[in-house]
Amino acid sequence: MELFIIKRDGKREAFSIDKIKNAIAKAFLSVGSFAAQDVITNILSRVSINNDTTVEEIQNQVEIALMSERYYAVAKAYMLYRQKHTEDREVRDKLKFLMDYCDASNAASGSKYDANANVENKNLATLIGELPKSNFIRLNRRMLTDRIK
């Protein structure tokens, strides 16, 4: 039976064990070490993948498996690599937002968070107001979650 995973964009893709093996091997190389096949096999034996497991869940399991096998430096390198790519995706998404906002016909259609923007003309001031909205939304959600708890 072929397994499928869920990518970050929500798309389903056929699972490839080779992608995980390559990521683990690269993490070892990044700390000046080499992962023999039996080492990779031991790490992978700690990873459980079911149909529709997300990429994020798989990567979390790989981190835990590396630490469980006592490859702490490799786990740290793997985590830092993930963090860098998360930041790269965030920058890419911000740039796309900026380009889409500039191409939009008005502030309301250009806004990702406020389609009811009560502004006739978009300009630098309206754009600057849009940039922190995603962070404010996350902050408000966190505050509400904490209050509920």
N, C-alpha and C. Protein backbone atom coordinates (compact mmCIF):
# COMPACT_ATOMS: atom_id res chain seq x y z
N MET A 1 0.84 -1.18 0.00
CA MET A 1 0.00 0.00 0.00
C MET A 1 0.89 1.24 0.00
N GLU A 2 0.60 2.17 -0.88
CA GLU A 2 1.38 3.39 -0.97
C GLU A 2 0.89 4.39 0.08
N LEU A 3 1.84 4.98 0.81
CA LEU A 3 1.51 5.99 1.81
C LEU A 3 1.60 7.37 1.20
N PHE A 4 0.76 8.25 1.70
CA PHE A 4 0.79 9.64 1.27
C PHE A 4 1.02 10.51 2.49
N ILE A 5 1.76 11.59 2.29
CA ILE A 5 1.98 12.57 3.35
C ILE A 5 1.31 13.87 2.94
N ILE A 6 1.15 14.75 3.92
CA ILE A 6 0.55 16.06 3.66
C ILE A 6 1.66 17.10 3.70
N LYS A 7 1.85 17.79 2.60
CA LYS A 7 2.87 18.83 2.50
C LYS A 7 2.39 20.08 3.25
N ARG A 8 3.27 21.04 3.41
CA ARG A 8 2.92 22.27 4.15
C ARG A 8 1.81 23.06 3.46
N ASP A 9 1.73 22.94 2.15
CA ASP A 9 0.68 23.68 1.42
C ASP A 9 -0.63 22.91 1.37
N GLY A 10 -0.69 21.77 2.07
CA GLY A 10 -1.92 20.98 2.15
C GLY A 10 -2.05 19.91 1.08
N LYS A 11 -1.14 19.88 0.14
CA LYS A 11 -1.21 18.88 -0.93
C LYS A 11 -0.74 17.52 -0.42
N ARG A 12 -1.34 16.49 -0.97
CA ARG A 12 -0.92 15.11 -0.67
C ARG A 12 0.16 14.72 -1.66
N GLU A 13 1.16 14.01 -1.16
CA GLU A 13 2.26 13.55 -2.01
C GLU A 13 2.65 12.14 -1.56
N ALA A 14 3.06 11.33 -2.52
CA ALA A 14 3.51 9.99 -2.18
C ALA A 14 4.71 10.08 -1.24
N PHE A 15 4.70 9.26 -0.21
CA PHE A 15 5.77 9.26 0.78
C PHE A 15 7.04 8.69 0.17
N SER A 16 8.17 9.34 0.48
CA SER A 16 9.47 8.87 0.01
C SER A 16 10.43 8.77 1.19
N ILE A 17 10.79 7.56 1.55
CA ILE A 17 11.74 7.34 2.65
C ILE A 17 13.11 7.93 2.32
N ASP A 18 13.42 8.01 1.03
CA ASP A 18 14.72 8.55 0.62
C ASP A 18 14.89 10.01 1.02
N LYS A 19 13.81 10.78 1.03
CA LYS A 19 13.90 12.18 1.44
C LYS A 19 14.32 12.30 2.91
N ILE A 20 13.78 11.41 3.74
CA ILE A 20 14.14 11.43 5.15
C ILE A 20 15.59 10.96 5.32
N LYS A 21 15.95 9.90 4.62
CA LYS A 21 17.33 9.41 4.69
C LYS A 21 18.32 10.49 4.28
N ASN A 22 18.02 11.20 3.20
CA ASN A 22 18.90 12.27 2.74
C ASN A 22 19.00 13.40 3.76
N ALA A 23 17.88 13.76 4.37
CA ALA A 23 17.88 14.83 5.38
C ALA A 23 18.73 14.43 6.58
N ILE A 24 18.60 13.19 7.01
CA ILE A 24 19.40 12.71 8.14
C ILE A 24 20.88 12.70 7.77
N ALA A 25 21.19 12.18 6.59
CA ALA A 25 22.59 12.13 6.15
C ALA A 25 23.19 13.53 6.07
N LYS A 26 22.43 14.50 5.55
CA LYS A 26 22.91 15.88 5.46
C LYS A 26 23.13 16.48 6.85
N ALA A 27 22.25 16.15 7.79
CA ALA A 27 22.42 16.65 9.16
C ALA A 27 23.72 16.12 9.77
N PHE A 28 24.01 14.86 9.53
CA PHE A 28 25.28 14.30 10.01
C PHE A 28 26.47 14.98 9.34
N LEU A 29 26.39 15.17 8.04
CA LEU A 29 27.48 15.82 7.32
C LEU A 29 27.70 17.25 7.79
N SER A 30 26.63 17.93 8.17
CA SER A 30 26.74 19.33 8.60
C SER A 30 27.53 19.48 9.89
N VAL A 31 27.66 18.39 10.66
CA VAL A 31 28.47 18.44 11.88
C VAL A 31 29.78 17.68 11.70
N GLY A 32 30.13 17.41 10.44
CA GLY A 32 31.41 16.75 10.14
C GLY A 32 31.43 15.27 10.43
N SER A 33 30.29 14.64 10.37
CA SER A 33 30.19 13.21 10.64
C SER A 33 29.54 12.51 9.45
N PHE A 34 29.52 11.20 9.51
CA PHE A 34 28.92 10.41 8.45
C PHE A 34 27.96 9.41 9.08
N ALA A 35 26.78 9.28 8.50
CA ALA A 35 25.78 8.34 9.01
C ALA A 35 25.81 7.07 8.16
N ALA A 36 26.26 5.99 8.76
CA ALA A 36 26.23 4.70 8.08
C ALA A 36 24.78 4.25 7.95
N GLN A 37 24.55 3.31 7.06
CA GLN A 37 23.19 2.85 6.80
C GLN A 37 22.52 2.29 8.05
N ASP A 38 23.28 1.58 8.89
CA ASP A 38 22.68 1.01 10.10
C ASP A 38 22.28 2.11 11.09
N VAL A 39 23.02 3.20 11.12
CA VAL A 39 22.66 4.33 11.98
C VAL A 39 21.36 4.95 11.50
N ILE A 40 21.24 5.17 10.20
CA ILE A 40 20.01 5.74 9.64
C ILE A 40 18.84 4.80 9.89
N THR A 41 19.07 3.51 9.74
CA THR A 41 18.02 2.52 9.99
C THR A 41 17.55 2.58 11.44
N ASN A 42 18.48 2.71 12.38
CA ASN A 42 18.11 2.81 13.80
C ASN A 42 17.28 4.06 14.07
N ILE A 43 17.67 5.16 13.46
CA ILE A 43 16.92 6.41 13.64
C ILE A 43 15.53 6.26 13.05
N LEU A 44 15.45 5.71 11.84
CA LEU A 44 14.15 5.56 11.17
C LEU A 44 13.23 4.58 11.90
N SER A 45 13.81 3.64 12.62
CA SER A 45 12.98 2.67 13.35
C SER A 45 12.17 3.36 14.45
N ARG A 46 12.57 4.56 14.82
CA ARG A 46 11.86 5.32 15.86
C ARG A 46 10.79 6.25 15.27
N VAL A 47 10.71 6.30 13.94
CA VAL A 47 9.77 7.20 13.26
C VAL A 47 8.57 6.39 12.78
N SER A 48 7.39 6.86 13.11
CA SER A 48 6.16 6.19 12.73
C SER A 48 5.41 7.06 11.72
N ILE A 49 5.21 6.52 10.53
CA ILE A 49 4.53 7.28 9.49
C ILE A 49 3.29 6.53 9.05
N ASN A 50 2.18 7.22 9.14
CA ASN A 50 0.90 6.67 8.70
C ASN A 50 0.42 7.47 7.50
N ASN A 51 -0.62 6.99 6.88
CA ASN A 51 -1.19 7.72 5.76
C ASN A 51 -1.64 9.11 6.23
N ASP A 52 -1.31 10.12 5.46
CA ASP A 52 -1.66 11.51 5.72
C ASP A 52 -0.95 12.13 6.93
N THR A 53 0.20 11.59 7.29
CA THR A 53 1.05 12.24 8.28
C THR A 53 1.61 13.50 7.64
N THR A 54 1.71 14.57 8.41
CA THR A 54 2.22 15.82 7.84
C THR A 54 3.75 15.83 7.84
N VAL A 55 4.31 16.63 6.97
CA VAL A 55 5.76 16.79 6.90
C VAL A 55 6.29 17.25 8.25
N GLU A 56 5.58 18.18 8.86
CA GLU A 56 5.99 18.73 10.16
C GLU A 56 6.05 17.63 11.22
N GLU A 57 5.06 16.74 11.24
CA GLU A 57 5.04 15.64 12.21
C GLU A 57 6.22 14.70 11.98
N ILE A 58 6.51 14.42 10.73
CA ILE A 58 7.64 13.54 10.41
C ILE A 58 8.94 14.18 10.88
N GLN A 59 9.13 15.45 10.60
CA GLN A 59 10.35 16.13 11.01
C GLN A 59 10.47 16.19 12.53
N ASN A 60 9.37 16.39 13.22
CA ASN A 60 9.39 16.37 14.69
C ASN A 60 9.85 15.01 15.20
N GLN A 61 9.34 13.95 14.58
CA GLN A 61 9.73 12.60 14.99
C GLN A 61 11.21 12.34 14.72
N VAL A 62 11.72 12.85 13.61
CA VAL A 62 13.14 12.67 13.29
C VAL A 62 13.99 13.36 14.35
N GLU A 63 13.60 14.56 14.76
CA GLU A 63 14.33 15.27 15.83
C GLU A 63 14.38 14.42 17.10
N ILE A 64 13.23 13.90 17.50
CA ILE A 64 13.15 13.09 18.72
C ILE A 64 13.97 11.82 18.56
N ALA A 65 13.91 11.21 17.39
CA ALA A 65 14.68 9.99 17.14
C ALA A 65 16.18 10.25 17.22
N LEU A 66 16.64 11.36 16.65
CA LEU A 66 18.06 11.71 16.72
C LEU A 66 18.50 11.88 18.18
N MET A 67 17.67 12.54 18.96
CA MET A 67 18.03 12.74 20.38
C MET A 67 17.96 11.42 21.15
N SER A 68 16.98 10.59 20.83
CA SER A 68 16.86 9.30 21.51
C SER A 68 18.06 8.40 21.23
N GLU A 69 18.62 8.56 20.05
CA GLU A 69 19.82 7.79 19.68
C GLU A 69 21.10 8.50 20.13
N ARG A 70 20.93 9.60 20.86
CA ARG A 70 22.02 10.37 21.46
C ARG A 70 22.92 11.09 20.44
N TYR A 71 22.33 11.46 19.32
CA TYR A 71 23.04 12.28 18.32
C TYR A 71 22.61 13.73 18.52
N TYR A 72 23.01 14.29 19.66
CA TYR A 72 22.53 15.61 20.05
C TYR A 72 23.01 16.72 19.11
N ALA A 73 24.25 16.67 18.70
CA ALA A 73 24.77 17.71 17.80
C ALA A 73 24.07 17.65 16.45
N VAL A 74 23.79 16.44 15.99
CA VAL A 74 23.09 16.26 14.71
C VAL A 74 21.65 16.76 14.84
N ALA A 75 21.02 16.44 15.96
CA ALA A 75 19.64 16.91 16.20
C ALA A 75 19.60 18.44 16.22
N LYS A 76 20.58 19.04 16.86
CA LYS A 76 20.63 20.50 16.90
C LYS A 76 20.80 21.07 15.50
N ALA A 77 21.70 20.49 14.71
CA ALA A 77 21.90 20.96 13.33
C ALA A 77 20.61 20.80 12.52
N TYR A 78 19.92 19.69 12.72
CA TYR A 78 18.66 19.42 12.02
C TYR A 78 17.61 20.46 12.40
N MET A 79 17.53 20.79 13.71
CA MET A 79 16.57 21.79 14.18
C MET A 79 16.90 23.18 13.63
N LEU A 80 18.18 23.53 13.63
CA LEU A 80 18.58 24.84 13.11
C LEU A 80 18.29 24.94 11.61
N TYR A 81 18.50 23.85 10.90
CA TYR A 81 18.19 23.81 9.46
C TYR A 81 16.70 24.03 9.24
N ARG A 82 15.88 23.37 10.04
CA ARG A 82 14.43 23.54 9.94
C ARG A 82 14.03 24.97 10.24
N GLN A 83 14.63 25.56 11.28
CA GLN A 83 14.31 26.93 11.66
C GLN A 83 14.67 27.89 10.54
N LYS A 84 15.83 27.70 9.93
CA LYS A 84 16.25 28.57 8.83
C LYS A 84 15.26 28.49 7.67
N HIS A 85 14.82 27.29 7.36
CA HIS A 85 13.86 27.14 6.26
C HIS A 85 12.49 27.71 6.62
N THR A 86 12.11 27.63 7.87
CA THR A 86 10.86 28.27 8.31
C THR A 86 10.96 29.77 8.11
N GLU A 87 12.08 30.34 8.52
CA GLU A 87 12.29 31.78 8.34
C GLU A 87 12.31 32.15 6.86
N ASP A 88 12.96 31.33 6.04
CA ASP A 88 13.01 31.58 4.59
C ASP A 88 11.60 31.57 3.99
N ARG A 89 10.76 30.62 4.43
CA ARG A 89 9.37 30.56 3.94
C ARG A 89 8.59 31.80 4.36
N GLU A 90 8.82 32.25 5.60
CA GLU A 90 8.12 33.45 6.08
C GLU A 90 8.52 34.68 5.27
N VAL A 91 9.80 34.81 4.97
CA VAL A 91 10.28 35.93 4.16
C VAL A 91 9.69 35.85 2.76
N ARG A 92 9.69 34.65 2.18
CA ARG A 92 9.12 34.46 0.85
C ARG A 92 7.65 34.84 0.82
N ASP A 93 6.92 34.42 1.86
CA ASP A 93 5.49 34.74 1.93
C ASP A 93 5.26 36.24 2.10
N LYS A 94 6.10 36.91 2.91
CA LYS A 94 5.98 38.37 3.06
C LYS A 94 6.25 39.08 1.74
N LEU A 95 7.28 38.63 1.03
CA LEU A 95 7.59 39.25 -0.27
C LEU A 95 6.45 39.06 -1.26
N LYS A 96 5.87 37.87 -1.26
CA LYS A 96 4.73 37.61 -2.14
C LYS A 96 3.57 38.53 -1.78
N PHE A 97 3.32 38.67 -0.46
CA PHE A 97 2.26 39.57 -0.01
C PHE A 97 2.53 40.99 -0.49
N LEU A 98 3.76 41.47 -0.33
CA LEU A 98 4.11 42.82 -0.76
C LEU A 98 3.87 43.01 -2.26
N MET A 99 4.27 42.04 -3.04
CA MET A 99 4.09 42.13 -4.50
C MET A 99 2.60 42.11 -4.84
N ASP A 100 1.84 41.23 -4.20
CA ASP A 100 0.40 41.15 -4.45
C ASP A 100 -0.29 42.45 -4.03
N TYR A 101 0.12 43.02 -2.91
CA TYR A 101 -0.47 44.28 -2.43
C TYR A 101 -0.20 45.40 -3.43
N CYS A 102 1.03 45.44 -3.91
CA CYS A 102 1.39 46.49 -4.88
C CYS A 102 0.60 46.32 -6.19
N ASP A 103 0.32 45.09 -6.57
CA ASP A 103 -0.41 44.82 -7.82
C ASP A 103 -1.92 44.98 -7.67
N ALA A 104 -2.42 45.00 -6.44
CA ALA A 104 -3.86 45.07 -6.20
C ALA A 104 -4.41 46.43 -6.63
N SER A 105 -5.68 46.44 -7.00
CA SER A 105 -6.29 47.68 -7.47
C SER A 105 -6.59 48.66 -6.34
N ASN A 106 -6.81 48.14 -5.11
CA ASN A 106 -7.06 49.03 -3.98
C ASN A 106 -6.63 48.35 -2.69
N ALA A 107 -6.70 49.09 -1.59
CA ALA A 107 -6.22 48.58 -0.30
C ALA A 107 -7.04 47.38 0.18
N ALA A 108 -8.34 47.39 -0.08
CA ALA A 108 -9.18 46.29 0.38
C ALA A 108 -8.85 44.99 -0.34
N SER A 109 -8.71 45.04 -1.66
CA SER A 109 -8.41 43.81 -2.39
C SER A 109 -6.96 43.38 -2.19
N GLY A 110 -6.10 44.30 -1.80
CA GLY A 110 -4.71 43.96 -1.54
C GLY A 110 -4.46 43.42 -0.16
N SER A 111 -5.39 43.66 0.76
CA SER A 111 -5.20 43.23 2.13
C SER A 111 -5.48 41.75 2.28
N LYS A 112 -4.58 41.07 2.92
CA LYS A 112 -4.76 39.64 3.18
C LYS A 112 -5.65 39.44 4.40
N TYR A 113 -5.69 40.43 5.30
CA TYR A 113 -6.37 40.26 6.57
C TYR A 113 -7.59 41.15 6.76
N ASP A 114 -7.75 42.15 5.91
CA ASP A 114 -8.83 43.11 6.12
C ASP A 114 -9.45 43.50 4.78
N ALA A 115 -10.27 42.61 4.25
CA ALA A 115 -10.88 42.86 2.94
C ALA A 115 -11.89 44.01 2.99
N ASN A 116 -12.21 44.46 4.18
CA ASN A 116 -13.11 45.60 4.33
C ASN A 116 -12.35 46.89 4.62
N ALA A 117 -11.10 46.92 4.22
CA ALA A 117 -10.28 48.11 4.50
C ALA A 117 -11.02 49.35 3.99
N ASN A 118 -11.18 50.30 4.86
CA ASN A 118 -11.94 51.50 4.56
C ASN A 118 -11.00 52.60 4.07
N VAL A 119 -10.25 52.28 3.02
CA VAL A 119 -9.27 53.22 2.48
C VAL A 119 -9.43 53.21 0.96
N GLU A 120 -9.58 54.37 0.37
CA GLU A 120 -9.75 54.45 -1.08
C GLU A 120 -8.46 54.14 -1.83
N ASN A 121 -7.37 54.75 -1.38
CA ASN A 121 -6.11 54.61 -2.10
C ASN A 121 -5.09 53.87 -1.25
N LYS A 122 -4.39 52.99 -1.88
CA LYS A 122 -3.31 52.32 -1.14
C LYS A 122 -2.04 53.12 -1.34
N ASN A 123 -1.23 53.15 -0.31
CA ASN A 123 0.04 53.86 -0.37
C ASN A 123 0.98 53.23 0.65
N LEU A 124 2.11 53.84 0.86
CA LEU A 124 3.08 53.28 1.78
C LEU A 124 2.51 53.17 3.19
N ALA A 125 1.73 54.14 3.61
CA ALA A 125 1.16 54.12 4.96
C ALA A 125 0.18 52.96 5.12
N THR A 126 -0.65 52.70 4.11
CA THR A 126 -1.59 51.58 4.23
C THR A 126 -0.85 50.25 4.18
N LEU A 127 0.21 50.19 3.39
CA LEU A 127 1.01 48.97 3.31
C LEU A 127 1.69 48.69 4.64
N ILE A 128 2.27 49.69 5.25
CA ILE A 128 2.95 49.52 6.54
C ILE A 128 1.97 49.02 7.60
N GLY A 129 0.73 49.47 7.52
CA GLY A 129 -0.29 49.00 8.45
C GLY A 129 -0.65 47.54 8.26
N GLU A 130 -0.46 47.01 7.07
CA GLU A 130 -0.78 45.61 6.79
C GLU A 130 0.28 44.64 7.31
N LEU A 131 1.53 45.05 7.29
CA LEU A 131 2.63 44.14 7.60
C LEU A 131 2.54 43.46 8.97
N PRO A 132 2.21 44.17 10.06
CA PRO A 132 2.19 43.49 11.36
C PRO A 132 0.89 42.76 11.67
N LYS A 133 -0.10 42.81 10.79
CA LYS A 133 -1.41 42.23 11.13
C LYS A 133 -1.35 40.74 11.43
N SER A 134 -0.56 39.97 10.70
CA SER A 134 -0.50 38.53 10.97
C SER A 134 0.07 38.27 12.36
N ASN A 135 1.07 39.05 12.75
CA ASN A 135 1.63 38.89 14.10
C ASN A 135 0.63 39.30 15.17
N PHE A 136 -0.12 40.38 14.92
CA PHE A 136 -1.13 40.81 15.88
C PHE A 136 -2.23 39.75 16.03
N ILE A 137 -2.61 39.14 14.93
CA ILE A 137 -3.64 38.10 14.98
C ILE A 137 -3.14 36.91 15.81
N ARG A 138 -1.89 36.48 15.57
CA ARG A 138 -1.32 35.38 16.36
C ARG A 138 -1.24 35.74 17.84
N LEU A 139 -0.81 36.97 18.12
CA LEU A 139 -0.71 37.43 19.50
C LEU A 139 -2.07 37.43 20.18
N ASN A 140 -3.08 37.96 19.51
CA ASN A 140 -4.43 37.98 20.08
C ASN A 140 -4.97 36.58 20.31
N ARG A 141 -4.71 35.67 19.37
CA ARG A 141 -5.16 34.29 19.54
C ARG A 141 -4.48 33.64 20.74
N ARG A 142 -3.20 33.92 20.89
CA ARG A 142 -2.45 33.34 22.03
C ARG A 142 -2.99 33.89 23.35
N MET A 143 -3.23 35.20 23.40
CA MET A 143 -3.77 35.80 24.62
C MET A 143 -5.13 35.22 24.96
N LEU A 144 -5.97 35.02 23.95
CA LEU A 144 -7.29 34.45 24.18
C LEU A 144 -7.18 33.00 24.65
N THR A 145 -6.29 32.23 24.03
CA THR A 145 -6.07 30.85 24.44
C THR A 145 -5.61 30.78 25.88
N ASP A 146 -4.66 31.64 26.24
CA ASP A 146 -4.17 31.68 27.62
C ASP A 146 -5.28 32.06 28.58
N ARG A 147 -6.12 33.00 28.20
CA ARG A 147 -7.23 33.42 29.06
C ARG A 147 -8.21 32.27 29.26
N ILE A 148 -8.49 31.52 28.20
CA ILE A 148 -9.41 30.38 28.29
C ILE A 148 -8.84 29.31 29.20
N LYS A 149 -7.55 29.06 29.07
CA LYS A 149 -6.91 28.05 29.95
C LYS A 149 -6.99 28.48 31.39
